[in-house]
């Protein structure tokens, strides 16, 4: 059985408070986008294995969230058979696009179907939230306002149908520690839902709090955002904690000249 985990972008991202558990409370709107990995699972009679192709995945295979998703389900369903798992990695990692979280969430859904576990979306989201802050979003995989660590989700009607997305990843790694080091948590001055309701307000009021500290340290990322606006984007921002930057256009822009070392993705949104 095969599925295609997709990436996401963030429309606005506020760091609202530091939590006692060491995490941060956030407020953001997450939107699924059509940039995909490919995940295949086949029942295996001998042992559970994980292999990958495409982009190189750093770290030990046993630490991959897909295997952790399998182990999480196996705690409650000890008779789960072994699996042969293959992931083709296409979504850049550590790029603010949620690729690893999507892989984990789609793995849960895939196993739910493959093993006939009959878990509804509520329970799948409960499992996903144990794997990572963004994971629960990818169960329903529709536009949501996310609060708490990112696991408290509320549907929101944000319509980007027909808009053209240009996504650039300059290949700069932004670690979580660096991203949060320059942020002072504070309550947002305006409600995110109110800003999202009026696209005319997005450029000035839809803010990613991480940009204020990351852009001075990595001006190349800031230049990507500026270039998207120069070429006609009505909104451009860094996604998540970076370093990917996206632009939204009413019409497909003329071809923009990017550095050939950048990862570039374009799509009309449906």
C-alpha atoms as a PDB file:
ATOM      1  CA  UNK A   1       0.000   0.000   0.000  1.00  0.00           C
ATOM      2  CA  UNK A   2       1.311   3.439  -0.916  1.00  0.00           C
ATOM      3  CA  UNK A   3       0.509   7.025   0.070  1.00  0.00           C
ATOM      4  CA  UNK A   4       1.941  10.440  -0.674  1.00  0.00           C
ATOM      5  CA  UNK A   5       2.684  12.614   2.385  1.00  0.00           C
ATOM      6  CA  UNK A   6       2.551  16.308   1.525  1.00  0.00           C
ATOM      7  CA  UNK A   7       4.256  19.412   2.871  1.00  0.00           C
ATOM      8  CA  UNK A   8       2.654  22.445   4.513  1.00  0.00           C
ATOM      9  CA  UNK A   9       3.246  26.173   4.724  1.00  0.00           C
ATOM     10  CA  UNK A  10       2.515  28.532   7.617  1.00  0.00           C
ATOM     11  CA  UNK A  11       0.410  31.643   7.177  1.00  0.00           C
ATOM     12  CA  UNK A  12       1.596  33.669  10.134  1.00  0.00           C
ATOM     13  CA  UNK A  13       3.427  32.183  13.106  1.00  0.00           C
ATOM     14  CA  UNK A  14       3.361  33.741  16.569  1.00  0.00           C
ATOM     15  CA  UNK A  15       5.376  32.476  19.530  1.00  0.00           C
ATOM     16  CA  UNK A  16       2.982  33.344  22.342  1.00  0.00           C
ATOM     17  CA  UNK A  17       4.528  31.853  25.513  1.00  0.00           C
ATOM     18  CA  UNK A  18       7.296  29.678  26.966  1.00  0.00           C
ATOM     19  CA  UNK A  19       5.850  26.553  28.575  1.00  0.00           C
ATOM     20  CA  UNK A  20       6.934  24.833  31.782  1.00  0.00           C
ATOM     21  CA  UNK A  21       7.644  21.642  29.806  1.00  0.00           C
ATOM     22  CA  UNK A  22      10.312  23.442  27.753  1.00  0.00           C
ATOM     23  CA  UNK A  23       8.180  23.814  24.634  1.00  0.00           C
ATOM     24  CA  UNK A  24       6.611  27.017  23.344  1.00  0.00           C
ATOM     25  CA  UNK A  25       2.977  27.895  22.752  1.00  0.00           C
ATOM     26  CA  UNK A  26       2.347  29.052  19.214  1.00  0.00           C
ATOM     27  CA  UNK A  27      -0.434  30.368  17.019  1.00  0.00           C
ATOM     28  CA  UNK A  28      -0.270  29.698  13.298  1.00  0.00           C
ATOM     29  CA  UNK A  29      -2.326  28.728  10.273  1.00  0.00           C
ATOM     30  CA  UNK A  30      -1.093  25.628   8.467  1.00  0.00           C
ATOM     31  CA  UNK A  31      -2.001  24.986   4.847  1.00  0.00           C
ATOM     32  CA  UNK A  32      -1.283  21.733   2.963  1.00  0.00           C
ATOM     33  CA  UNK A  33       0.587  22.133  -0.339  1.00  0.00           C
ATOM     34  CA  UNK A  34       1.095  19.674  -3.236  1.00  0.00           C
ATOM     35  CA  UNK A  35       4.766  18.880  -2.623  1.00  0.00           C
ATOM     36  CA  UNK A  36       4.995  15.167  -1.874  1.00  0.00           C
ATOM     37  CA  UNK A  37       7.068  12.318  -0.498  1.00  0.00           C
ATOM     38  CA  UNK A  38       6.080   8.733  -1.355  1.00  0.00           C
ATOM     39  CA  UNK A  39       5.563   6.123   1.369  1.00  0.00           C
ATOM     40  CA  UNK A  40       5.084   2.406   0.722  1.00  0.00           C
ATOM     41  CA  UNK A  41       4.283  -0.284   3.307  1.00  0.00           C
ATOM     42  CA  UNK A  42       4.123  -4.011   2.597  1.00  0.00           C
ATOM     43  CA  UNK A  43       3.381  -6.720   5.180  1.00  0.00           C
ATOM     44  CA  UNK A  44       6.505  -8.804   5.806  1.00  0.00           C
ATOM     45  CA  UNK A  45       6.506 -12.204   7.507  1.00  0.00           C
ATOM     46  CA  UNK A  46      10.068 -11.954   8.843  1.00  0.00           C
ATOM     47  CA  UNK A  47      10.954  -8.533  10.262  1.00  0.00           C
ATOM     48  CA  UNK A  48      10.203  -4.824  10.090  1.00  0.00           C
ATOM     49  CA  UNK A  49      12.588  -2.895   7.860  1.00  0.00           C
ATOM     50  CA  UNK A  50      12.909   0.730   6.777  1.00  0.00           C
ATOM     51  CA  UNK A  51      14.676   1.960   3.653  1.00  0.00           C
ATOM     52  CA  UNK A  52      14.704   5.323   1.915  1.00  0.00           C
ATOM     53  CA  UNK A  53      15.615   6.859  -1.420  1.00  0.00           C
ATOM     54  CA  UNK A  54      15.659  10.386  -2.812  1.00  0.00           C
ATOM     55  CA  UNK A  55      17.028  13.051  -0.479  1.00  0.00           C
ATOM     56  CA  UNK A  56      19.474  11.740   2.098  1.00  0.00           C
ATOM     57  CA  UNK A  57      17.924  11.466   5.572  1.00  0.00           C
ATOM     58  CA  UNK A  58      20.517  12.178   8.270  1.00  0.00           C
ATOM     59  CA  UNK A  59      20.651  10.216  11.508  1.00  0.00           C
ATOM     60  CA  UNK A  60      20.002   6.626  12.479  1.00  0.00           C
ATOM     61  CA  UNK A  61      17.177   4.832  10.659  1.00  0.00           C
ATOM     62  CA  UNK A  62      15.740   3.582  13.938  1.00  0.00           C
ATOM     63  CA  UNK A  63      15.029   7.181  14.962  1.00  0.00           C
ATOM     64  CA  UNK A  64      12.826   7.879  11.936  1.00  0.00           C
ATOM     65  CA  UNK A  65       9.333   8.997  12.916  1.00  0.00           C
ATOM     66  CA  UNK A  66       7.758   6.409  10.621  1.00  0.00           C
ATOM     67  CA  UNK A  67       9.277   3.582  12.650  1.00  0.00           C
ATOM     68  CA  UNK A  68       8.288   5.379  15.840  1.00  0.00           C
ATOM     69  CA  UNK A  69       4.713   5.541  14.525  1.00  0.00           C
ATOM     70  CA  UNK A  70       4.786   1.769  13.951  1.00  0.00           C
ATOM     71  CA  UNK A  71       6.158   1.157  17.450  1.00  0.00           C
ATOM     72  CA  UNK A  72       3.553   3.477  18.975  1.00  0.00           C
ATOM     73  CA  UNK A  73       0.695   1.515  17.411  1.00  0.00           C
ATOM     74  CA  UNK A  74       2.313  -1.808  18.293  1.00  0.00           C
ATOM     75  CA  UNK A  75       2.165  -0.918  22.005  1.00  0.00           C
ATOM     76  CA  UNK A  76      -1.638  -0.928  21.792  1.00  0.00           C
ATOM     77  CA  UNK A  77      -1.935  -3.534  19.037  1.00  0.00           C
ATOM     78  CA  UNK A  78       0.814  -6.056  19.888  1.00  0.00           C
ATOM     79  CA  UNK A  79      -0.223  -8.480  17.135  1.00  0.00           C
ATOM     80  CA  UNK A  80       0.617  -6.077  14.320  1.00  0.00           C
ATOM     81  CA  UNK A  81       2.592  -7.931  11.639  1.00  0.00           C
ATOM     82  CA  UNK A  82       6.034  -6.849  10.490  1.00  0.00           C
ATOM     83  CA  UNK A  83       6.347  -4.312   7.689  1.00  0.00           C
ATOM     84  CA  UNK A  84       8.693  -3.580   4.842  1.00  0.00           C
ATOM     85  CA  UNK A  85       8.712   0.231   4.656  1.00  0.00           C
ATOM     86  CA  UNK A  86      10.141   2.387   1.874  1.00  0.00           C
ATOM     87  CA  UNK A  87      10.151   6.191   1.875  1.00  0.00           C
ATOM     88  CA  UNK A  88      11.098   8.223  -1.178  1.00  0.00           C
ATOM     89  CA  UNK A  89      12.126  11.579   0.266  1.00  0.00           C
ATOM     90  CA  UNK A  90      11.411  14.625  -1.858  1.00  0.00           C
ATOM     91  CA  UNK A  91      10.380  17.298   0.677  1.00  0.00           C
ATOM     92  CA  UNK A  92      13.475  19.151   1.988  1.00  0.00           C
ATOM     93  CA  UNK A  93      14.190  18.398   5.649  1.00  0.00           C
ATOM     94  CA  UNK A  94      14.594  20.923   8.435  1.00  0.00           C
ATOM     95  CA  UNK A  95      13.034  23.437   6.114  1.00  0.00           C
ATOM     96  CA  UNK A  96       9.851  24.516   7.903  1.00  0.00           C
ATOM     97  CA  UNK A  97       7.694  22.374   5.600  1.00  0.00           C
ATOM     98  CA  UNK A  98       6.660  19.616   8.013  1.00  0.00           C
ATOM     99  CA  UNK A  99       7.864  16.776   5.813  1.00  0.00           C
ATOM    100  CA  UNK A 100       8.924  14.472   8.646  1.00  0.00           C
ATOM    101  CA  UNK A 101       5.689  15.144  10.520  1.00  0.00           C
ATOM    102  CA  UNK A 102       3.679  14.389   7.391  1.00  0.00           C
ATOM    103  CA  UNK A 103       5.535  11.103   6.879  1.00  0.00           C
ATOM    104  CA  UNK A 104       4.685  10.041  10.451  1.00  0.00           C
ATOM    105  CA  UNK A 105       1.021  11.036  10.212  1.00  0.00           C
ATOM    106  CA  UNK A 106       0.556   9.366   6.839  1.00  0.00           C
ATOM    107  CA  UNK A 107       2.264   6.250   8.232  1.00  0.00           C
ATOM    108  CA  UNK A 108      -0.381   6.098  10.973  1.00  0.00           C
ATOM    109  CA  UNK A 109      -3.194   6.465   8.451  1.00  0.00           C
ATOM    110  CA  UNK A 110      -1.613   3.912   6.127  1.00  0.00           C
ATOM    111  CA  UNK A 111      -1.245   1.347   8.929  1.00  0.00           C
ATOM    112  CA  UNK A 112      -4.805   2.050  10.084  1.00  0.00           C
ATOM    113  CA  UNK A 113      -6.012   1.076   6.612  1.00  0.00           C
ATOM    114  CA  UNK A 114      -3.542  -1.750   6.017  1.00  0.00           C
ATOM    115  CA  UNK A 115      -4.285  -3.474   9.317  1.00  0.00           C
ATOM    116  CA  UNK A 116      -8.032  -2.635   9.454  1.00  0.00           C
ATOM    117  CA  UNK A 117      -7.639  -0.999  12.870  1.00  0.00           C
ATOM    118  CA  UNK A 118     -10.751   1.164  12.300  1.00  0.00           C
ATOM    119  CA  UNK A 119      -9.302   4.100  14.255  1.00  0.00           C
ATOM    120  CA  UNK A 120     -11.174   7.339  13.590  1.00  0.00           C
ATOM    121  CA  UNK A 121      -9.415  10.648  12.985  1.00  0.00           C
ATOM    122  CA  UNK A 122      -9.648  11.699  16.652  1.00  0.00           C
ATOM    123  CA  UNK A 123      -7.606   8.697  17.800  1.00  0.00           C
ATOM    124  CA  UNK A 124      -5.152   9.039  14.918  1.00  0.00           C
ATOM    125  CA  UNK A 125      -4.576  12.666  15.926  1.00  0.00           C
ATOM    126  CA  UNK A 126      -3.974  11.547  19.525  1.00  0.00           C
ATOM    127  CA  UNK A 127      -1.282   9.133  18.333  1.00  0.00           C
ATOM    128  CA  UNK A 128       0.182  11.720  15.948  1.00  0.00           C
ATOM    129  CA  UNK A 129       0.475  14.358  18.682  1.00  0.00           C
ATOM    130  CA  UNK A 130       2.717  11.969  20.627  1.00  0.00           C
ATOM    131  CA  UNK A 131       5.154  11.870  17.702  1.00  0.00           C
ATOM    132  CA  UNK A 132       5.591  15.600  17.092  1.00  0.00           C
ATOM    133  CA  UNK A 133       3.951  18.992  17.380  1.00  0.00           C
ATOM    134  CA  UNK A 134       2.938  19.279  13.706  1.00  0.00           C
ATOM    135  CA  UNK A 135       2.009  15.641  13.162  1.00  0.00           C
ATOM    136  CA  UNK A 136      -1.674  15.840  14.123  1.00  0.00           C
ATOM    137  CA  UNK A 137      -2.305  18.471  11.445  1.00  0.00           C
ATOM    138  CA  UNK A 138      -1.599  15.977   8.668  1.00  0.00           C
ATOM    139  CA  UNK A 139      -4.332  13.520   9.740  1.00  0.00           C
ATOM    140  CA  UNK A 140      -7.195  15.615   8.366  1.00  0.00           C
ATOM    141  CA  UNK A 141      -4.741  17.578   6.212  1.00  0.00           C
ATOM    142  CA  UNK A 142      -6.943  20.642   5.748  1.00  0.00           C
ATOM    143  CA  UNK A 143      -6.346  24.332   6.629  1.00  0.00           C
ATOM    144  CA  UNK A 144      -6.206  24.711  10.407  1.00  0.00           C
ATOM    145  CA  UNK A 145      -5.365  27.259  13.070  1.00  0.00           C
ATOM    146  CA  UNK A 146      -2.876  25.510  15.362  1.00  0.00           C
ATOM    147  CA  UNK A 147      -2.272  26.531  18.963  1.00  0.00           C
ATOM    148  CA  UNK A 148      -0.655  24.935  22.012  1.00  0.00           C
ATOM    149  CA  UNK A 149       2.507  23.180  20.797  1.00  0.00           C
ATOM    150  CA  UNK A 150       0.799  23.004  17.404  1.00  0.00           C
ATOM    151  CA  UNK A 151      -1.375  20.025  18.277  1.00  0.00           C
ATOM    152  CA  UNK A 152      -4.585  21.964  19.145  1.00  0.00           C
ATOM    153  CA  UNK A 153      -6.321  22.367  15.804  1.00  0.00           C
ATOM    154  CA  UNK A 154      -9.289  24.422  14.665  1.00  0.00           C
ATOM    155  CA  UNK A 155     -10.613  24.428  11.082  1.00  0.00           C
ATOM    156  CA  UNK A 156     -10.447  27.710   9.185  1.00  0.00           C
ATOM    157  CA  UNK A 157     -11.783  28.643   5.776  1.00  0.00           C
ATOM    158  CA  UNK A 158      -8.758  29.950   3.880  1.00  0.00           C
ATOM    159  CA  UNK A 159      -9.250  29.695   0.136  1.00  0.00           C
ATOM    160  CA  UNK A 160      -6.087  29.798  -1.977  1.00  0.00           C
ATOM    161  CA  UNK A 161      -7.651  27.968  -4.933  1.00  0.00           C
ATOM    162  CA  UNK A 162      -6.241  29.212  -8.228  1.00  0.00           C
ATOM    163  CA  UNK A 163      -3.348  31.050  -6.571  1.00  0.00           C
ATOM    164  CA  UNK A 164       0.170  30.260  -7.730  1.00  0.00           C
ATOM    165  CA  UNK A 165       2.698  29.126  -5.139  1.00  0.00           C
ATOM    166  CA  UNK A 166       6.434  29.637  -5.498  1.00  0.00           C
ATOM    167  CA  UNK A 167       8.472  27.903  -2.789  1.00  0.00           C
ATOM    168  CA  UNK A 168      12.214  28.389  -2.370  1.00  0.00           C
ATOM    169  CA  UNK A 169      14.544  26.548  -0.039  1.00  0.00           C
ATOM    170  CA  UNK A 170      18.064  28.040  -0.107  1.00  0.00           C
ATOM    171  CA  UNK A 171      19.572  25.003   1.624  1.00  0.00           C
ATOM    172  CA  UNK A 172      20.416  26.821   4.853  1.00  0.00           C
ATOM    173  CA  UNK A 173      19.840  24.733   7.975  1.00  0.00           C
ATOM    174  CA  UNK A 174      18.086  26.548  10.805  1.00  0.00           C
ATOM    175  CA  UNK A 175      18.208  24.533  14.016  1.00  0.00           C
ATOM    176  CA  UNK A 176      15.342  24.703  16.499  1.00  0.00           C
ATOM    177  CA  UNK A 177      17.664  26.152  19.154  1.00  0.00           C
ATOM    178  CA  UNK A 178      18.791  28.968  16.841  1.00  0.00           C
ATOM    179  CA  UNK A 179      15.235  29.702  15.731  1.00  0.00           C
ATOM    180  CA  UNK A 180      13.861  30.117  19.252  1.00  0.00           C
ATOM    181  CA  UNK A 181      16.942  31.829  20.702  1.00  0.00           C
ATOM    182  CA  UNK A 182      16.090  35.135  19.063  1.00  0.00           C
ATOM    183  CA  UNK A 183      12.377  35.141  19.860  1.00  0.00           C
ATOM    184  CA  UNK A 184      10.735  36.841  22.840  1.00  0.00           C
ATOM    185  CA  UNK A 185       7.298  35.240  23.300  1.00  0.00           C
ATOM    186  CA  UNK A 186       4.377  37.652  23.417  1.00  0.00           C
ATOM    187  CA  UNK A 187       0.657  37.642  22.745  1.00  0.00           C
ATOM    188  CA  UNK A 188      -0.174  38.790  19.195  1.00  0.00           C
ATOM    189  CA  UNK A 189      -1.672  42.262  18.880  1.00  0.00           C
ATOM    190  CA  UNK A 190      -4.433  41.070  16.536  1.00  0.00           C
ATOM    191  CA  UNK A 191      -6.211  37.755  16.209  1.00  0.00           C
ATOM    192  CA  UNK A 192      -4.800  35.604  13.454  1.00  0.00           C
ATOM    193  CA  UNK A 193      -8.241  34.636  12.181  1.00  0.00           C
ATOM    194  CA  UNK A 194      -9.175  38.298  11.684  1.00  0.00           C
ATOM    195  CA  UNK A 195      -6.081  38.972   9.588  1.00  0.00           C
ATOM    196  CA  UNK A 196      -6.545  35.815   7.530  1.00  0.00           C
ATOM    197  CA  UNK A 197     -10.077  36.914   6.636  1.00  0.00           C
ATOM    198  CA  UNK A 198      -8.741  39.875   4.619  1.00  0.00           C
ATOM    199  CA  UNK A 199      -5.869  39.219   2.185  1.00  0.00           C
ATOM    200  CA  UNK A 200      -5.268  42.958   1.877  1.00  0.00           C
ATOM    201  CA  UNK A 201      -3.900  42.838   5.452  1.00  0.00           C
ATOM    202  CA  UNK A 202      -1.569  39.870   4.946  1.00  0.00           C
ATOM    203  CA  UNK A 203       1.553  41.667   3.727  1.00  0.00           C
ATOM    204  CA  UNK A 204       1.665  44.056   6.681  1.00  0.00           C
ATOM    205  CA  UNK A 205       0.035  42.076   9.488  1.00  0.00           C
ATOM    206  CA  UNK A 206       0.526  38.341   8.799  1.00  0.00           C
ATOM    207  CA  UNK A 207       3.867  37.886  10.533  1.00  0.00           C
ATOM    208  CA  UNK A 208       6.221  34.974  11.169  1.00  0.00           C
ATOM    209  CA  UNK A 209       7.933  35.847  14.463  1.00  0.00           C
ATOM    210  CA  UNK A 210      11.041  33.862  13.542  1.00  0.00           C
ATOM    211  CA  UNK A 211      11.915  36.219  10.678  1.00  0.00           C
ATOM    212  CA  UNK A 212      12.956  39.054  12.989  1.00  0.00           C
ATOM    213  CA  UNK A 213      15.947  37.116  14.323  1.00  0.00           C
ATOM    214  CA  UNK A 214      16.675  34.697  11.466  1.00  0.00           C
ATOM    215  CA  UNK A 215      16.831  37.284   8.675  1.00  0.00           C
ATOM    216  CA  UNK A 216      19.674  39.341  10.231  1.00  0.00           C
ATOM    217  CA  UNK A 217      21.675  36.142  10.774  1.00  0.00           C
ATOM    218  CA  UNK A 218      20.897  34.774   7.301  1.00  0.00           C
ATOM    219  CA  UNK A 219      20.333  37.714   4.930  1.00  0.00           C
ATOM    220  CA  UNK A 220      20.180  35.341   1.954  1.00  0.00           C
ATOM    221  CA  UNK A 221      16.818  34.098   3.261  1.00  0.00           C
ATOM    222  CA  UNK A 222      15.558  37.673   3.588  1.00  0.00           C
ATOM    223  CA  UNK A 223      16.642  38.371   0.000  1.00  0.00           C
ATOM    224  CA  UNK A 224      14.482  35.455  -1.208  1.00  0.00           C
ATOM    225  CA  UNK A 225      11.429  37.042   0.408  1.00  0.00           C
ATOM    226  CA  UNK A 226      12.261  40.446  -1.095  1.00  0.00           C
ATOM    227  CA  UNK A 227      12.683  38.896  -4.536  1.00  0.00           C
ATOM    228  CA  UNK A 228       9.281  37.225  -4.353  1.00  0.00           C
ATOM    229  CA  UNK A 229       7.663  40.580  -3.601  1.00  0.00           C
ATOM    230  CA  UNK A 230       9.678  42.258  -6.367  1.00  0.00           C
ATOM    231  CA  UNK A 231       8.237  39.729  -8.812  1.00  0.00           C
ATOM    232  CA  UNK A 232       4.617  40.338  -7.870  1.00  0.00           C
ATOM    233  CA  UNK A 233       3.763  38.162  -4.864  1.00  0.00           C
ATOM    234  CA  UNK A 234       0.843  39.551  -2.866  1.00  0.00           C
ATOM    235  CA  UNK A 235       2.187  37.704   0.171  1.00  0.00           C
ATOM    236  CA  UNK A 236       5.569  36.173   0.989  1.00  0.00           C
ATOM    237  CA  UNK A 237       6.933  34.716   4.214  1.00  0.00           C
ATOM    238  CA  UNK A 238       9.211  32.160   5.755  1.00  0.00           C
ATOM    239  CA  UNK A 239       7.464  28.873   6.510  1.00  0.00           C
ATOM    240  CA  UNK A 240       7.733  27.548  10.053  1.00  0.00           C
ATOM    241  CA  UNK A 241      11.187  28.093  11.527  1.00  0.00           C
ATOM    242  CA  UNK A 242      12.705  28.196   8.028  1.00  0.00           C
ATOM    243  CA  UNK A 243      14.641  28.314   5.903  1.00  0.00           C
ATOM    244  CA  UNK A 244      12.017  27.835   3.183  1.00  0.00           C
ATOM    245  CA  UNK A 245      10.306  30.981   1.915  1.00  0.00           C
ATOM    246  CA  UNK A 246       7.144  30.994  -0.183  1.00  0.00           C
ATOM    247  CA  UNK A 247       5.295  33.536  -2.259  1.00  0.00           C
ATOM    248  CA  UNK A 248       1.622  33.587  -3.222  1.00  0.00           C
ATOM    249  CA  UNK A 249       0.657  35.115  -6.552  1.00  0.00           C
ATOM    250  CA  UNK A 250      -2.716  35.874  -8.117  1.00  0.00           C
ATOM    251  CA  UNK A 251      -1.281  34.812 -11.486  1.00  0.00           C
ATOM    252  CA  UNK A 252       1.707  32.661 -12.399  1.00  0.00           C
ATOM    253  CA  UNK A 253       4.735  34.978 -12.450  1.00  0.00           C
ATOM    254  CA  UNK A 254       7.226  35.113 -15.266  1.00  0.00           C
ATOM    255  CA  UNK A 255      10.172  32.840 -14.615  1.00  0.00           C
ATOM    256  CA  UNK A 256      12.285  34.116 -11.731  1.00  0.00           C
ATOM    257  CA  UNK A 257      16.038  33.632 -11.881  1.00  0.00           C
ATOM    258  CA  UNK A 258      17.082  31.727  -8.740  1.00  0.00           C
ATOM    259  CA  UNK A 259      20.492  30.486  -7.654  1.00  0.00           C
ATOM    260  CA  UNK A 260      20.910  26.992  -9.116  1.00  0.00           C
ATOM    261  CA  UNK A 261      21.731  25.562  -5.673  1.00  0.00           C
ATOM    262  CA  UNK A 262      18.253  26.463  -4.387  1.00  0.00           C
ATOM    263  CA  UNK A 263      15.384  23.987  -4.202  1.00  0.00           C
ATOM    264  CA  UNK A 264      12.542  25.547  -6.235  1.00  0.00           C
ATOM    265  CA  UNK A 265       8.941  24.324  -6.297  1.00  0.00           C
ATOM    266  CA  UNK A 266       6.009  25.929  -8.119  1.00  0.00           C
ATOM    267  CA  UNK A 267       2.375  24.890  -8.304  1.00  0.00           C
ATOM    268  CA  UNK A 268      -1.073  26.265  -8.937  1.00  0.00           C
ATOM    269  CA  UNK A 269      -3.121  25.566  -5.818  1.00  0.00           C
ATOM    270  CA  UNK A 270      -6.423  23.703  -6.147  1.00  0.00           C
END
